[in-house]
């Protein structure tokens, strides 16, 4: 299992953090400038703070509502952009819904603050 995760870029399951922070607070701390960054920060939040290895489109929709950020019209395009950059990976289907997970590269980009916006507007 460990070698499979290592080879496929699937991060090791993290231990739930002891820090109690809301998604809105987390996004404010990260000072996200684009929707692509929002998607990646949400995926990181799911993984690190909620101990969820995968998420669905409805998780993203709910997160936009919860954080009171206007929802973009093209969420799937933004997710695909994160996949192309190696930050997210497809994780299959759960209950008929496509799911994704954050990669180790995605975690490092969030933790290191090395996210580029590639000319995306807000």
N, C-alpha and C. Protein backbone atom coordinates (compact mmCIF):
# COMPACT_ATOMS: atom_id res chain seq x y z
N UNK A 1 0.83 -1.20 0.00
CA UNK A 1 0.00 0.00 0.00
C UNK A 1 0.87 1.26 0.00
N UNK A 2 1.89 1.28 0.85
CA UNK A 2 2.77 2.44 0.92
C UNK A 2 3.46 2.69 -0.42
N UNK A 3 4.01 1.63 -1.03
CA UNK A 3 4.70 1.79 -2.31
C UNK A 3 3.74 2.23 -3.41
N UNK A 4 2.52 1.69 -3.39
CA UNK A 4 1.51 2.12 -4.37
C UNK A 4 1.25 3.61 -4.23
N UNK A 5 1.08 4.08 -3.01
CA UNK A 5 0.83 5.51 -2.78
C UNK A 5 2.02 6.35 -3.21
N UNK A 6 3.22 5.88 -2.91
CA UNK A 6 4.43 6.61 -3.26
C UNK A 6 4.57 6.73 -4.77
N UNK A 7 4.37 5.63 -5.49
CA UNK A 7 4.51 5.63 -6.95
C UNK A 7 3.43 6.45 -7.64
N UNK A 8 2.24 6.46 -7.11
CA UNK A 8 1.13 7.14 -7.78
C UNK A 8 1.00 8.60 -7.38
N UNK A 9 1.84 9.06 -6.47
CA UNK A 9 1.77 10.46 -6.05
C UNK A 9 0.65 10.73 -5.07
N UNK A 10 0.04 9.67 -4.54
CA UNK A 10 -1.03 9.83 -3.55
C UNK A 10 -0.37 10.11 -2.21
N UNK A 11 -0.70 11.23 -1.58
CA UNK A 11 -0.06 11.53 -0.31
C UNK A 11 -0.49 10.56 0.78
N UNK A 12 0.37 10.38 1.74
CA UNK A 12 0.02 9.56 2.90
C UNK A 12 -1.10 10.23 3.66
N UNK A 13 -1.98 9.43 4.21
CA UNK A 13 -3.08 9.97 5.00
C UNK A 13 -2.50 10.74 6.17
N UNK A 14 -2.92 11.95 6.27
CA UNK A 14 -2.40 12.79 7.34
C UNK A 14 -3.15 12.53 8.63
N UNK A 15 -2.50 12.83 9.71
CA UNK A 15 -3.19 12.78 10.99
C UNK A 15 -4.00 14.07 11.10
N UNK A 16 -5.22 13.98 11.60
CA UNK A 16 -6.01 15.21 11.73
C UNK A 16 -5.23 16.23 12.56
N UNK A 17 -5.24 17.44 12.10
CA UNK A 17 -4.52 18.48 12.81
C UNK A 17 -5.27 18.87 14.08
N UNK A 18 -4.55 19.33 15.05
CA UNK A 18 -5.19 19.73 16.30
C UNK A 18 -5.72 21.15 16.20
N UNK A 19 -5.30 21.86 15.17
CA UNK A 19 -5.75 23.24 15.00
C UNK A 19 -7.18 23.25 14.49
N UNK A 20 -8.02 23.98 15.15
CA UNK A 20 -9.42 24.08 14.76
C UNK A 20 -9.62 25.40 14.03
N UNK A 21 -9.83 25.32 12.72
CA UNK A 21 -9.97 26.52 11.91
C UNK A 21 -11.06 26.27 10.88
N UNK A 22 -11.86 27.29 10.63
CA UNK A 22 -12.91 27.14 9.62
C UNK A 22 -12.29 27.29 8.23
N UNK A 23 -13.01 26.80 7.24
CA UNK A 23 -12.55 26.94 5.86
C UNK A 23 -12.39 28.40 5.50
N UNK A 24 -13.34 29.22 5.89
CA UNK A 24 -13.27 30.65 5.58
C UNK A 24 -12.02 31.29 6.19
N UNK A 25 -11.70 30.95 7.43
CA UNK A 25 -10.49 31.48 8.07
C UNK A 25 -9.24 31.00 7.33
N UNK A 26 -9.23 29.73 6.94
CA UNK A 26 -8.09 29.16 6.24
C UNK A 26 -7.87 29.89 4.91
N UNK A 27 -8.94 30.08 4.15
CA UNK A 27 -8.82 30.77 2.86
C UNK A 27 -8.36 32.22 3.05
N UNK A 28 -8.86 32.87 4.11
CA UNK A 28 -8.43 34.24 4.40
C UNK A 28 -6.94 34.28 4.74
N UNK A 29 -6.47 33.32 5.50
CA UNK A 29 -5.04 33.25 5.85
C UNK A 29 -4.17 33.08 4.61
N UNK A 30 -4.64 32.27 3.68
CA UNK A 30 -3.88 31.98 2.48
C UNK A 30 -3.91 33.13 1.47
N UNK A 31 -4.83 34.06 1.66
CA UNK A 31 -4.95 35.21 0.77
C UNK A 31 -5.05 34.80 -0.70
N UNK A 32 -5.94 33.88 -0.94
CA UNK A 32 -6.17 33.37 -2.29
C UNK A 32 -6.58 34.50 -3.23
N UNK A 33 -5.97 34.49 -4.42
CA UNK A 33 -6.26 35.53 -5.40
C UNK A 33 -7.08 35.03 -6.58
N UNK A 34 -7.13 33.71 -6.78
CA UNK A 34 -7.83 33.16 -7.94
C UNK A 34 -8.70 31.98 -7.52
N UNK A 35 -9.62 31.62 -8.40
CA UNK A 35 -10.47 30.46 -8.13
C UNK A 35 -9.66 29.17 -8.18
N UNK A 36 -8.63 29.12 -9.04
CA UNK A 36 -7.78 27.93 -9.08
C UNK A 36 -7.11 27.73 -7.72
N UNK A 37 -6.61 28.79 -7.14
CA UNK A 37 -6.02 28.70 -5.80
C UNK A 37 -7.08 28.28 -4.79
N UNK A 38 -8.27 28.83 -4.89
CA UNK A 38 -9.35 28.43 -3.96
C UNK A 38 -9.59 26.93 -4.00
N UNK A 39 -9.67 26.37 -5.21
CA UNK A 39 -9.93 24.94 -5.37
C UNK A 39 -8.82 24.13 -4.69
N UNK A 40 -7.58 24.51 -4.95
CA UNK A 40 -6.45 23.78 -4.36
C UNK A 40 -6.43 23.95 -2.84
N UNK A 41 -6.68 25.15 -2.35
CA UNK A 41 -6.72 25.36 -0.89
C UNK A 41 -7.85 24.56 -0.26
N UNK A 42 -8.98 24.47 -0.94
CA UNK A 42 -10.09 23.67 -0.42
C UNK A 42 -9.70 22.20 -0.35
N UNK A 43 -9.05 21.68 -1.41
CA UNK A 43 -8.61 20.29 -1.42
C UNK A 43 -7.63 20.04 -0.28
N UNK A 44 -6.74 20.97 -0.03
CA UNK A 44 -5.78 20.85 1.07
C UNK A 44 -6.51 20.85 2.41
N UNK A 45 -7.48 21.74 2.53
CA UNK A 45 -8.27 21.83 3.77
C UNK A 45 -9.01 20.51 4.02
N UNK A 46 -9.62 19.94 2.98
CA UNK A 46 -10.31 18.66 3.14
C UNK A 46 -9.35 17.61 3.67
N UNK A 47 -8.14 17.55 3.09
CA UNK A 47 -7.17 16.53 3.42
C UNK A 47 -6.57 16.74 4.81
N UNK A 48 -6.10 17.94 5.09
CA UNK A 48 -5.37 18.20 6.34
C UNK A 48 -6.27 18.43 7.54
N UNK A 49 -7.37 19.12 7.34
CA UNK A 49 -8.21 19.50 8.48
C UNK A 49 -9.43 18.61 8.67
N UNK A 50 -9.94 18.03 7.59
CA UNK A 50 -11.11 17.16 7.69
C UNK A 50 -10.77 15.69 7.52
N UNK A 51 -9.49 15.41 7.23
CA UNK A 51 -9.01 14.04 7.07
C UNK A 51 -9.74 13.29 5.94
N UNK A 52 -10.05 14.02 4.86
CA UNK A 52 -10.72 13.44 3.69
C UNK A 52 -9.70 13.31 2.56
N UNK A 53 -9.48 12.09 2.09
CA UNK A 53 -8.54 11.88 1.00
C UNK A 53 -9.09 12.33 -0.34
N UNK A 54 -10.41 12.28 -0.50
CA UNK A 54 -11.02 12.66 -1.77
C UNK A 54 -12.17 13.63 -1.54
N UNK A 55 -12.55 14.31 -2.61
CA UNK A 55 -13.67 15.24 -2.55
C UNK A 55 -14.40 15.22 -3.88
N UNK A 56 -15.63 15.71 -3.87
CA UNK A 56 -16.45 15.74 -5.08
C UNK A 56 -16.78 17.19 -5.44
N UNK A 57 -17.43 17.34 -6.57
CA UNK A 57 -17.86 18.67 -7.01
C UNK A 57 -18.80 19.28 -5.97
N UNK A 58 -19.66 18.48 -5.38
CA UNK A 58 -20.58 19.04 -4.37
C UNK A 58 -19.83 19.53 -3.14
N UNK A 59 -18.69 18.89 -2.79
CA UNK A 59 -17.87 19.39 -1.69
C UNK A 59 -17.35 20.79 -2.00
N UNK A 60 -16.93 21.00 -3.25
CA UNK A 60 -16.44 22.31 -3.67
C UNK A 60 -17.58 23.32 -3.65
N UNK A 61 -18.74 22.94 -4.21
CA UNK A 61 -19.91 23.83 -4.22
C UNK A 61 -20.26 24.26 -2.79
N UNK A 62 -20.32 23.28 -1.88
CA UNK A 62 -20.66 23.58 -0.49
C UNK A 62 -19.61 24.47 0.16
N UNK A 63 -18.35 24.26 -0.20
CA UNK A 63 -17.27 25.05 0.38
C UNK A 63 -17.34 26.51 -0.07
N UNK A 64 -17.69 26.72 -1.32
CA UNK A 64 -17.87 28.10 -1.78
C UNK A 64 -18.99 28.77 -1.00
N UNK A 65 -20.09 28.05 -0.80
CA UNK A 65 -21.21 28.61 -0.04
C UNK A 65 -20.80 28.90 1.40
N UNK A 66 -20.13 27.91 2.03
CA UNK A 66 -19.70 28.05 3.42
C UNK A 66 -18.75 29.22 3.62
N UNK A 67 -17.84 29.41 2.67
CA UNK A 67 -16.84 30.46 2.82
C UNK A 67 -17.32 31.81 2.30
N UNK A 68 -18.54 31.84 1.76
CA UNK A 68 -19.16 33.08 1.28
C UNK A 68 -18.35 33.75 0.15
N UNK A 69 -17.75 32.91 -0.68
CA UNK A 69 -17.02 33.39 -1.86
C UNK A 69 -17.91 33.12 -3.06
N UNK A 70 -18.06 34.11 -3.95
CA UNK A 70 -18.87 33.86 -5.15
C UNK A 70 -18.31 32.67 -5.94
N UNK A 71 -19.20 31.79 -6.34
CA UNK A 71 -18.83 30.55 -7.02
C UNK A 71 -18.54 30.82 -8.50
N UNK A 72 -17.44 30.28 -9.02
CA UNK A 72 -17.16 30.45 -10.45
C UNK A 72 -18.08 29.56 -11.27
N UNK A 73 -18.26 29.92 -12.52
CA UNK A 73 -19.14 29.15 -13.40
C UNK A 73 -18.46 27.88 -13.92
N UNK A 74 -17.13 27.84 -13.87
CA UNK A 74 -16.39 26.77 -14.54
C UNK A 74 -15.55 25.94 -13.55
N UNK A 75 -16.16 25.43 -12.52
CA UNK A 75 -15.43 24.68 -11.49
C UNK A 75 -14.68 23.48 -12.09
N UNK A 76 -15.32 22.75 -12.99
CA UNK A 76 -14.63 21.59 -13.59
C UNK A 76 -13.38 22.00 -14.36
N UNK A 77 -13.43 23.14 -15.06
CA UNK A 77 -12.24 23.62 -15.76
C UNK A 77 -11.12 23.95 -14.78
N UNK A 78 -11.49 24.52 -13.64
CA UNK A 78 -10.49 24.88 -12.63
C UNK A 78 -9.87 23.63 -12.02
N UNK A 79 -10.68 22.62 -11.77
CA UNK A 79 -10.17 21.35 -11.25
C UNK A 79 -9.21 20.73 -12.27
N UNK A 80 -9.62 20.75 -13.54
CA UNK A 80 -8.75 20.20 -14.60
C UNK A 80 -7.43 20.96 -14.71
N UNK A 81 -7.46 22.26 -14.48
CA UNK A 81 -6.24 23.05 -14.48
C UNK A 81 -5.31 22.58 -13.36
N UNK A 82 -5.87 22.31 -12.19
CA UNK A 82 -5.07 21.81 -11.07
C UNK A 82 -4.51 20.42 -11.37
N UNK A 83 -5.27 19.60 -12.09
CA UNK A 83 -4.79 18.27 -12.48
C UNK A 83 -3.63 18.40 -13.45
N UNK A 84 -3.77 19.26 -14.47
CA UNK A 84 -2.70 19.46 -15.45
C UNK A 84 -1.41 19.94 -14.79
N UNK A 85 -1.53 20.71 -13.75
CA UNK A 85 -0.36 21.24 -13.05
C UNK A 85 0.20 20.24 -12.02
N UNK A 86 -0.49 19.09 -11.86
CA UNK A 86 0.00 18.06 -10.96
C UNK A 86 -0.40 18.26 -9.51
N UNK A 87 -1.33 19.19 -9.24
CA UNK A 87 -1.73 19.49 -7.86
C UNK A 87 -2.88 18.60 -7.38
N UNK A 88 -3.72 18.16 -8.30
CA UNK A 88 -4.83 17.27 -7.97
C UNK A 88 -4.74 16.04 -8.85
N UNK A 89 -5.43 14.97 -8.45
CA UNK A 89 -5.49 13.74 -9.23
C UNK A 89 -6.93 13.25 -9.22
N UNK A 90 -7.31 12.54 -10.28
CA UNK A 90 -8.62 11.91 -10.29
C UNK A 90 -8.58 10.73 -9.35
N UNK A 91 -9.67 10.54 -8.61
CA UNK A 91 -9.70 9.48 -7.59
C UNK A 91 -10.85 8.50 -7.80
N UNK A 92 -11.46 8.51 -8.98
CA UNK A 92 -12.54 7.56 -9.26
C UNK A 92 -13.90 8.15 -8.99
N UNK A 93 -14.87 7.24 -8.85
CA UNK A 93 -16.25 7.65 -8.60
C UNK A 93 -16.74 7.08 -7.28
N UNK A 94 -17.48 7.88 -6.56
CA UNK A 94 -18.11 7.46 -5.32
C UNK A 94 -19.58 7.82 -5.43
N UNK A 95 -20.43 6.81 -5.32
CA UNK A 95 -21.88 7.01 -5.42
C UNK A 95 -22.24 7.76 -6.71
N UNK A 96 -21.57 7.41 -7.80
CA UNK A 96 -21.88 8.00 -9.09
C UNK A 96 -21.29 9.38 -9.31
N UNK A 97 -20.50 9.88 -8.37
CA UNK A 97 -19.89 11.20 -8.49
C UNK A 97 -18.39 11.06 -8.68
N UNK A 98 -17.87 11.84 -9.61
CA UNK A 98 -16.43 11.88 -9.82
C UNK A 98 -15.76 12.50 -8.59
N UNK A 99 -14.62 11.94 -8.20
CA UNK A 99 -13.90 12.48 -7.05
C UNK A 99 -12.44 12.75 -7.41
N UNK A 100 -11.83 13.62 -6.63
CA UNK A 100 -10.44 14.00 -6.82
C UNK A 100 -9.75 14.01 -5.46
N UNK A 101 -8.43 14.04 -5.50
CA UNK A 101 -7.65 14.16 -4.27
C UNK A 101 -6.44 15.03 -4.53
N UNK A 102 -5.89 15.56 -3.47
CA UNK A 102 -4.70 16.41 -3.59
C UNK A 102 -3.46 15.51 -3.68
N UNK A 103 -2.51 15.92 -4.50
CA UNK A 103 -1.26 15.18 -4.64
C UNK A 103 -0.22 15.74 -3.67
N UNK A 104 0.88 15.04 -3.56
CA UNK A 104 1.97 15.53 -2.73
C UNK A 104 2.49 16.87 -3.27
N UNK A 105 2.54 17.00 -4.59
CA UNK A 105 2.95 18.28 -5.20
C UNK A 105 1.98 19.40 -4.83
N UNK A 106 0.69 19.07 -4.80
CA UNK A 106 -0.31 20.06 -4.40
C UNK A 106 -0.14 20.48 -2.96
N UNK A 107 0.13 19.51 -2.09
CA UNK A 107 0.37 19.84 -0.68
C UNK A 107 1.58 20.75 -0.53
N UNK A 108 2.66 20.40 -1.23
CA UNK A 108 3.89 21.19 -1.13
C UNK A 108 3.67 22.61 -1.66
N UNK A 109 2.89 22.75 -2.73
CA UNK A 109 2.61 24.07 -3.29
C UNK A 109 1.85 24.93 -2.28
N UNK A 110 0.88 24.34 -1.59
CA UNK A 110 0.12 25.08 -0.58
C UNK A 110 1.01 25.44 0.60
N UNK A 111 1.75 24.45 1.09
CA UNK A 111 2.58 24.67 2.28
C UNK A 111 3.75 25.61 2.00
N UNK A 112 4.27 25.55 0.78
CA UNK A 112 5.41 26.40 0.43
C UNK A 112 5.02 27.74 -0.16
N UNK A 113 3.73 27.92 -0.40
CA UNK A 113 3.26 29.17 -0.98
C UNK A 113 3.73 29.41 -2.40
N UNK A 114 3.98 28.33 -3.14
CA UNK A 114 4.54 28.46 -4.49
C UNK A 114 3.48 28.30 -5.58
N UNK A 115 2.33 28.88 -5.37
CA UNK A 115 1.28 28.79 -6.39
C UNK A 115 1.36 29.97 -7.34
N UNK A 116 1.41 29.65 -8.62
CA UNK A 116 1.38 30.68 -9.64
C UNK A 116 -0.01 30.71 -10.22
N UNK A 117 -0.45 31.87 -10.66
CA UNK A 117 -1.82 32.00 -11.13
C UNK A 117 -1.97 31.79 -12.63
N UNK A 118 -0.88 31.69 -13.37
CA UNK A 118 -0.94 31.48 -14.82
C UNK A 118 -1.86 32.45 -15.52
N UNK A 119 -1.87 33.70 -15.09
CA UNK A 119 -2.67 34.71 -15.76
C UNK A 119 -4.15 34.63 -15.52
N UNK A 120 -4.58 33.77 -14.63
CA UNK A 120 -6.02 33.63 -14.35
C UNK A 120 -6.52 34.88 -13.67
N UNK A 121 -7.72 35.26 -14.01
CA UNK A 121 -8.36 36.38 -13.31
C UNK A 121 -9.28 35.82 -12.25
N UNK A 122 -9.69 36.66 -11.34
CA UNK A 122 -10.54 36.20 -10.22
C UNK A 122 -11.90 35.87 -10.61
